[in-house]
Protein backbone atom coordinates (compact mmCIF):
# COMPACT_ATOMS: atom_id res chain seq x y z
CA MET A 1 15.94 -20.63 -31.15
CA THR A 2 19.68 -20.97 -30.49
CA ALA A 3 21.67 -18.72 -28.24
CA PRO A 4 23.72 -16.06 -30.05
CA THR A 5 27.39 -16.82 -30.26
CA ASN A 6 28.46 -13.53 -31.76
CA PRO A 7 29.50 -11.04 -29.03
CA ALA A 8 27.92 -8.20 -30.99
CA GLU A 9 24.64 -10.06 -31.02
CA ARG A 10 24.87 -10.62 -27.26
CA THR A 11 25.55 -6.94 -26.65
CA SER A 12 22.50 -6.11 -28.71
CA LEU A 13 20.29 -8.47 -26.68
CA ALA A 14 21.59 -7.09 -23.41
CA GLY A 15 20.66 -3.55 -24.19
CA GLY A 16 21.57 -2.62 -27.76
CA GLY A 17 24.31 -0.46 -29.18
CA ALA A 18 27.88 -0.18 -28.04
CA PRO A 19 29.06 -1.65 -24.78
CA ARG A 20 28.13 0.51 -21.80
CA GLU A 21 29.94 1.34 -18.62
CA LYS A 22 28.70 -0.90 -15.86
CA ILE A 23 27.05 1.00 -13.03
CA PRO A 24 28.27 -0.18 -9.64
CA ARG A 25 25.57 -2.63 -8.63
CA GLY A 26 25.92 -2.12 -4.90
CA MET A 27 25.46 1.64 -5.27
CA THR A 28 22.28 1.38 -7.34
CA GLU A 29 20.87 -1.18 -4.89
CA ARG A 30 21.53 1.05 -1.88
CA VAL A 31 20.00 4.10 -3.54
CA GLY A 32 16.96 2.07 -4.54
CA LYS A 33 16.52 0.56 -1.09
CA TYR A 34 17.20 3.52 1.15
CA GLY A 35 16.58 6.56 -1.05
CA LEU A 36 13.10 7.21 0.31
CA LEU A 37 14.25 6.88 3.91
CA ILE A 38 17.00 9.42 3.20
CA PHE A 39 14.50 11.78 1.67
CA LEU A 40 12.29 11.44 4.79
CA ILE A 41 15.24 12.26 7.11
CA VAL A 42 16.31 15.21 4.98
CA ALA A 43 12.73 16.59 4.74
CA PHE A 44 12.17 16.23 8.50
CA ALA A 45 15.49 17.88 9.29
CA GLY A 46 14.87 20.73 6.82
CA PHE A 47 11.39 21.59 8.12
CA SER A 48 12.60 21.23 11.70
CA LEU A 49 15.26 23.87 11.06
CA ALA A 50 12.74 26.11 9.34
CA ARG A 51 10.01 25.75 11.99
CA PRO A 52 11.71 24.31 15.08
CA SER A 53 8.96 25.17 17.60
CA GLU A 54 6.09 23.94 15.45
CA PHE A 55 7.48 21.11 13.33
CA ALA A 56 10.29 19.67 15.41
CA SER A 57 8.12 18.55 18.34
CA TRP A 58 6.79 15.23 19.60
CA ALA A 59 3.28 16.68 19.41
CA ASN A 60 3.66 17.09 15.65
CA VAL A 61 5.12 13.64 15.19
CA LYS A 62 2.41 12.09 17.31
CA THR A 63 -0.34 13.93 15.42
CA THR A 64 1.13 12.86 12.09
CA LEU A 65 1.36 9.22 13.12
CA ASP A 66 -2.21 9.37 14.39
CA GLN A 67 -3.61 10.96 11.23
CA GLN A 68 -1.78 8.58 8.92
CA THR A 69 -2.95 5.36 10.62
CA PRO A 70 -6.11 4.91 8.49
CA VAL A 71 -3.96 5.59 5.40
CA ILE A 72 -1.35 3.00 6.49
CA ILE A 73 -3.91 0.30 7.30
CA GLY A 74 -5.78 1.08 4.07
CA GLY A 75 -2.44 0.81 2.28
CA LEU A 76 -1.91 -2.67 3.75
CA ALA A 77 -5.31 -3.63 2.27
CA VAL A 78 -4.23 -2.43 -1.16
CA MET A 79 -0.91 -4.28 -0.83
CA MET A 80 -2.66 -7.59 -0.29
CA THR A 81 -4.28 -7.51 -3.70
CA LEU A 82 -1.26 -6.02 -5.47
CA LEU A 83 0.85 -8.92 -4.28
CA THR A 84 -1.46 -11.27 -6.29
CA GLY A 85 -1.35 -9.11 -9.40
CA GLU A 86 -4.77 -7.46 -8.77
CA ILE A 87 -5.82 -4.02 -7.64
CA ASP A 88 -8.56 -2.92 -5.30
CA LEU A 89 -9.92 0.52 -5.99
CA SER A 90 -12.77 0.09 -3.50
CA VAL A 91 -10.52 0.15 -0.38
CA ALA A 92 -11.15 3.85 0.41
CA ALA A 93 -14.95 3.49 -0.13
CA ASN A 94 -14.85 0.36 2.05
CA ILE A 95 -13.14 2.29 4.85
CA SER A 96 -15.86 4.93 4.54
CA LEU A 97 -18.56 2.28 4.69
CA SER A 98 -17.14 0.84 7.90
CA ASN A 99 -17.04 4.38 9.31
CA ILE A 100 -20.68 4.99 8.51
CA PHE A 101 -21.83 1.59 9.77
CA LEU A 102 -19.95 1.87 13.11
CA ALA A 103 -21.30 5.35 13.70
CA GLY A 104 -24.83 4.37 12.76
CA LEU A 105 -24.87 1.14 14.72
CA THR A 106 -23.69 2.77 17.94
CA THR A 107 -25.61 6.09 17.60
CA ASN A 108 -28.84 5.33 15.81
CA ASP A 109 -29.30 1.61 16.50
CA HIS A 110 -27.85 1.77 20.06
CA ILE A 111 -25.81 -1.42 19.64
CA SER A 112 -22.94 -1.84 22.09
CA THR A 113 -19.54 -0.65 20.85
CA PRO A 114 -17.76 -4.04 20.80
CA VAL A 115 -20.55 -5.68 18.85
CA ALA A 116 -20.81 -2.72 16.47
CA VAL A 117 -17.06 -2.82 15.82
CA VAL A 118 -17.23 -6.52 14.93
CA LEU A 119 -20.28 -5.94 12.63
CA ALA A 120 -18.60 -3.01 10.86
CA ILE A 121 -15.46 -5.05 10.17
CA LEU A 122 -17.53 -8.01 9.02
CA VAL A 123 -19.39 -5.77 6.54
CA SER A 124 -16.10 -4.59 5.02
CA THR A 125 -14.80 -8.20 4.95
CA ALA A 126 -17.88 -9.24 3.04
CA VAL A 127 -17.25 -6.45 0.54
CA GLY A 128 -13.74 -7.77 0.06
CA LEU A 129 -14.97 -11.33 -0.36
CA LEU A 130 -17.54 -10.18 -2.91
CA ASN A 131 -14.80 -8.31 -4.84
CA GLY A 132 -12.73 -11.51 -4.95
CA LEU A 133 -15.59 -13.65 -6.11
CA ILE A 134 -16.51 -11.22 -8.91
CA VAL A 135 -12.89 -11.07 -10.10
CA VAL A 136 -12.18 -14.82 -9.93
CA LYS A 137 -15.55 -16.46 -10.60
CA LEU A 138 -17.05 -13.94 -13.00
CA GLN A 139 -13.73 -13.14 -14.63
CA VAL A 140 -14.22 -9.39 -14.36
CA THR A 141 -11.00 -7.42 -14.29
CA SER A 142 -10.20 -6.15 -10.81
CA PHE A 143 -9.95 -2.56 -12.04
CA VAL A 144 -13.53 -2.58 -13.32
CA ALA A 145 -14.96 -4.79 -10.55
CA THR A 146 -13.58 -2.73 -7.65
CA LEU A 147 -14.29 0.62 -9.33
CA GLY A 148 -17.90 -0.42 -9.65
CA MET A 149 -17.96 -1.78 -6.12
CA ALA A 150 -16.65 1.54 -4.80
CA THR A 151 -19.61 3.32 -6.35
CA LEU A 152 -22.09 0.63 -5.20
CA ILE A 153 -21.03 0.71 -1.53
CA GLY A 154 -21.05 4.45 -1.59
CA GLY A 155 -24.78 4.13 -2.36
CA VAL A 156 -25.14 1.58 0.41
CA GLY A 157 -23.66 4.00 2.86
CA LEU A 158 -26.03 6.74 1.84
CA ALA A 159 -29.02 4.37 2.07
CA TYR A 160 -28.00 3.12 5.54
CA SER A 161 -27.46 6.67 6.88
CA HIS A 162 -30.56 8.00 5.12
CA SER A 163 -28.24 10.61 3.59
CA THR A 164 -27.83 12.20 7.02
CA ASP A 165 -24.55 12.97 8.73
CA ILE A 166 -23.89 11.44 12.12
CA LEU A 167 -22.27 14.28 14.06
CA THR A 168 -21.42 12.48 17.29
CA VAL A 169 -20.70 8.94 18.36
CA PRO A 170 -20.66 7.47 21.89
CA SER A 171 -17.59 8.25 23.95
CA SER A 172 -16.73 4.52 24.10
CA VAL A 173 -16.01 4.65 20.36
CA THR A 174 -13.63 7.61 20.56
CA ALA A 175 -11.98 6.33 23.73
CA MET A 176 -10.91 3.07 22.15
CA VAL A 177 -8.99 5.01 19.54
CA GLN A 178 -7.99 8.34 21.19
CA HIS A 179 -6.89 6.98 24.56
CA GLN A 180 -3.18 7.83 25.17
CA VAL A 181 -0.90 4.87 25.87
CA PHE A 182 1.45 5.93 28.66
CA GLY A 183 0.76 9.48 27.59
CA LEU A 184 2.85 9.02 24.48
CA VAL A 185 0.67 7.95 21.57
CA PRO A 186 -3.02 7.34 20.95
CA LEU A 187 -4.28 3.79 20.67
CA ALA A 188 -4.84 4.37 16.93
CA VAL A 189 -1.08 4.37 16.41
CA VAL A 190 -0.81 1.09 18.34
CA TYR A 191 -3.47 -0.48 16.09
CA GLY A 192 -1.53 0.63 13.04
CA ILE A 193 1.75 -0.80 14.30
CA VAL A 194 0.06 -4.13 15.19
CA ALA A 195 -1.52 -4.31 11.72
CA MET A 196 1.83 -3.69 10.08
CA LEU A 197 3.59 -6.30 12.18
CA VAL A 198 0.91 -8.93 11.47
CA VAL A 199 0.93 -8.32 7.70
CA ALA A 200 4.76 -8.32 7.64
CA ALA A 201 4.94 -11.54 9.62
CA VAL A 202 2.35 -13.26 7.41
CA LEU A 203 4.16 -12.25 4.20
CA ARG A 204 7.63 -13.09 5.49
CA TYR A 205 7.27 -16.17 7.68
CA LEU A 206 4.08 -18.01 6.82
CA PRO A 207 3.55 -20.25 3.75
CA VAL A 208 0.48 -18.23 2.76
CA GLY A 209 2.65 -15.18 2.26
CA ARG A 210 5.00 -16.99 -0.06
CA LYS A 211 2.05 -18.42 -2.01
CA LEU A 212 0.49 -14.97 -2.41
CA ARG A 213 3.75 -13.68 -3.87
CA ALA A 214 3.99 -16.75 -6.12
CA VAL A 215 0.51 -16.12 -7.51
CA GLY A 216 1.41 -12.53 -8.29
CA ALA A 217 4.73 -13.41 -9.83
CA ASN A 218 3.53 -16.24 -12.12
CA PRO A 219 0.05 -17.70 -11.63
CA ARG A 220 0.66 -20.56 -14.11
CA ALA A 221 3.86 -21.64 -12.48
CA ALA A 222 2.17 -21.37 -9.05
CA ALA A 223 -0.67 -23.62 -10.31
CA LEU A 224 1.82 -26.19 -11.47
CA THR A 225 3.22 -26.44 -7.89
CA GLY A 226 -0.27 -27.16 -6.49
CA ILE A 227 -1.22 -23.58 -5.50
CA ARG A 228 -4.76 -22.50 -6.41
CA PRO A 229 -4.33 -18.92 -7.77
CA GLY A 230 -8.06 -18.19 -7.71
CA LEU A 231 -8.40 -19.14 -4.05
CA TYR A 232 -5.47 -16.93 -3.06
CA ARG A 233 -6.80 -14.00 -5.07
CA ILE A 234 -10.12 -14.30 -3.24
CA ALA A 235 -8.27 -14.53 0.08
CA SER A 236 -6.27 -11.40 -0.71
CA PHE A 237 -9.40 -9.37 -1.45
CA THR A 238 -11.12 -10.75 1.67
CA PHE A 239 -8.21 -9.99 3.98
CA GLY A 240 -7.91 -6.54 2.31
CA GLY A 241 -11.59 -5.97 3.20
CA THR A 242 -10.93 -6.91 6.82
CA LEU A 243 -8.08 -4.36 6.96
CA ALA A 244 -10.32 -1.71 5.37
CA GLY A 245 -12.88 -2.37 8.04
CA ILE A 246 -10.30 -1.92 10.81
CA ALA A 247 -9.18 1.31 9.19
CA GLY A 248 -12.78 2.51 9.16
CA VAL A 249 -13.11 1.72 12.84
CA VAL A 250 -9.98 3.73 13.63
CA LEU A 251 -11.25 6.58 11.46
CA THR A 252 -14.55 6.64 13.33
CA GLY A 253 -12.81 6.96 16.69
CA GLN A 254 -10.58 9.72 15.38
CA LEU A 255 -13.34 11.79 13.83
CA GLY A 256 -16.08 11.04 16.35
CA SER A 257 -18.53 11.34 13.51
CA ALA A 258 -19.43 10.07 10.01
CA THR A 259 -20.58 11.93 6.89
CA ALA A 260 -23.29 10.52 4.68
CA ALA A 261 -21.20 11.25 1.58
CA GLY A 262 -18.29 9.36 3.12
CA THR A 263 -14.57 10.01 3.25
CA ALA A 264 -13.51 7.91 0.25
CA ASP A 265 -12.47 10.83 -1.92
CA ALA A 266 -10.14 12.18 0.76
CA LEU A 267 -8.49 8.77 1.39
CA LEU A 268 -8.13 7.21 -2.07
CA LEU A 269 -5.19 9.24 -3.41
CA PRO A 270 -3.11 9.26 -0.19
CA ILE A 271 -3.49 5.53 0.18
CA PHE A 272 -2.36 4.67 -3.33
CA ALA A 273 0.38 7.33 -3.30
CA ALA A 274 1.80 5.76 -0.12
CA VAL A 275 1.56 2.21 -1.46
CA PHE A 276 3.27 2.89 -4.83
CA LEU A 277 5.83 5.28 -3.44
CA GLY A 278 6.63 2.74 -0.71
CA SER A 279 7.21 0.08 -3.38
CA THR A 280 10.18 2.04 -4.55
CA ALA A 281 12.03 1.49 -1.28
CA PHE A 282 13.59 -1.42 0.65
CA SER A 283 12.27 -3.96 -1.93
CA PRO A 284 12.15 -1.87 -5.08
CA GLY A 285 9.45 -2.88 -7.46
CA ARG A 286 7.51 -4.80 -4.83
CA PRO A 287 4.95 -3.48 -2.33
CA ASN A 288 6.28 -3.85 1.20
CA VAL A 289 5.19 -2.83 4.67
CA LEU A 290 8.21 -0.82 5.72
CA GLY A 291 8.19 1.12 2.47
CA LEU A 292 4.51 1.91 2.91
CA PHE A 293 5.14 3.22 6.41
CA VAL A 294 8.04 5.45 5.38
CA ALA A 295 6.19 6.71 2.33
CA ALA A 296 3.09 7.66 4.32
CA LEU A 297 5.21 9.60 6.82
CA PHE A 298 7.23 11.28 4.04
CA LEU A 299 4.14 12.49 2.23
CA ALA A 300 2.53 13.70 5.48
CA PHE A 301 5.62 15.51 6.77
CA VAL A 302 6.24 17.22 3.41
CA SER A 303 2.62 18.35 3.16
CA SER A 304 2.40 19.65 6.73
CA GLY A 305 5.86 21.22 6.52
CA LEU A 306 4.98 23.19 3.40
CA VAL A 307 1.69 24.34 4.97
CA LEU A 308 3.61 25.55 8.01
CA LEU A 309 5.84 27.52 5.64
CA GLY A 310 2.80 29.29 4.24
CA ALA A 311 1.82 27.03 1.30
CA SER A 312 -1.87 26.69 0.40
CA GLN A 313 -3.97 23.68 1.28
CA TRP A 314 -3.97 22.46 -2.33
CA VAL A 315 -0.29 21.56 -1.91
CA SER A 316 -1.18 18.23 -0.23
CA PRO A 317 -3.19 16.70 -3.10
CA LEU A 318 -0.62 18.10 -5.51
CA ILE A 319 2.18 16.25 -3.68
CA ASN A 320 0.17 13.05 -3.44
CA GLY A 321 -0.67 13.07 -7.12
CA ALA A 322 2.92 13.82 -8.17
CA ALA A 323 4.24 11.11 -5.84
CA LEU A 324 1.82 8.56 -7.34
CA ILE A 325 2.89 9.37 -10.93
CA LEU A 326 6.60 9.38 -10.08
CA ALA A 327 6.41 6.19 -8.10
CA VAL A 328 4.65 4.30 -10.94
CA ALA A 329 7.23 5.68 -13.41
CA PHE A 330 10.09 4.60 -11.13
CA SER A 331 8.61 1.12 -10.73
CA THR A 332 8.36 0.76 -14.49
CA TRP A 333 11.94 1.89 -14.89
CA ALA A 334 13.08 -0.50 -12.17
CA ALA A 335 11.34 -3.41 -13.92
CA ARG A 336 13.12 -2.60 -17.16
CA MET A 337 16.45 -2.39 -15.36
CA GLN A 338 15.91 -5.76 -13.69
CA ALA A 339 15.00 -7.34 -17.02
CA ARG A 340 18.15 -5.86 -18.60
CA GLN A 341 20.31 -7.11 -15.71
CA PHE A 342 18.77 -10.56 -16.05
CA ARG A 343 19.52 -10.66 -19.79
CA ALA A 344 23.10 -9.50 -19.17
CA GLN A 345 23.54 -12.16 -16.48
CA GLN A 346 22.33 -14.82 -18.88
CA LEU A 347 24.78 -13.64 -21.57
CA ARG A 348 27.68 -13.62 -19.10
CA GLN A 349 26.80 -17.20 -18.22
CA LEU A 350 26.88 -18.10 -21.87
CA ASP A 351 30.34 -16.55 -22.18
CA VAL A 352 31.52 -18.63 -19.21
CA GLU A 353 30.14 -21.81 -20.80
CA ASP A 354 31.76 -20.96 -24.12
CA ALA A 355 35.08 -20.42 -22.44
CA LYS A 356 34.82 -23.84 -20.76
CA VAL A 357 33.99 -25.52 -24.03
CA SER A 358 36.87 -23.75 -25.82
CA GLY A 359 39.28 -24.66 -23.02
CA GLY A 360 38.17 -28.33 -23.12
CA SER A 361 38.57 -28.57 -26.88
CA ASP A 362 42.11 -27.18 -26.64
């Protein structure tokens, strides 16, 4: 197929119809990158003015950061698979499994807290590894595989706990999460920050991070460069399982208990809403750590602010659901815009080459 030489044909390929006014590229990029951060600042300022004594306080900020830590770490787990073009719907159930195992190992089986923490994280890591093997080796789509796994490990949690809630855990479990660092923030927040820094460093500075992105962008091209897409998909699910296990440990220390039915239903929507909403900021169209963090805080502050203003408790799931839908819609729109800009750039390059050829022939 030859490149179109007629300007009208090129205009049609670039977007169709009559020539359009060019939107300032710098403006659209800034809005795309920093729009969510601006919304967060505006929302925080607005609720602070409306409820200064309740909302605009360090106690409220600290509580929000603490409560969102399992969501943020769980979001990092989801990010790992999304970067390779897969999706893990079992993350929330895996967090719940870690919660149940840690509570049961320390309370019912009387295993020391450090050993129980390691075992709980290993269990969740094994779940992630199993997800990866099912997807890569058995060629089951990640949506179906992880959805089935979420149900399966929910049954495992019920079997392990004998369908009985664990109402209290040893003080050593809660202390390792709730202890205040310099009286400012609980250790849970520190764990969340460390997890974000580690994931960000891996994705930005280590070769494995670039290879994960390459697999997600174009697995065939990645394979031609010597990267093994299947291996990196398995690794992303496994590392995601480890992060889910850590999130479950943090959750156990925060709650000081574990329910037999688990906490997956309460975590699933907030995690995915934060991940997809975060992918609209800083690196639009691509999951990123900073976007996830800002999105989780934005959703939490808006929900808590509206509740303080007298809204009902159903407002929180309503906001999370709406944010998830809008974020996916925005990501789809951004992908179309990027494709259109790429086509327009190619056509401009053709115009430049044509001008050089015409000038040379003259």
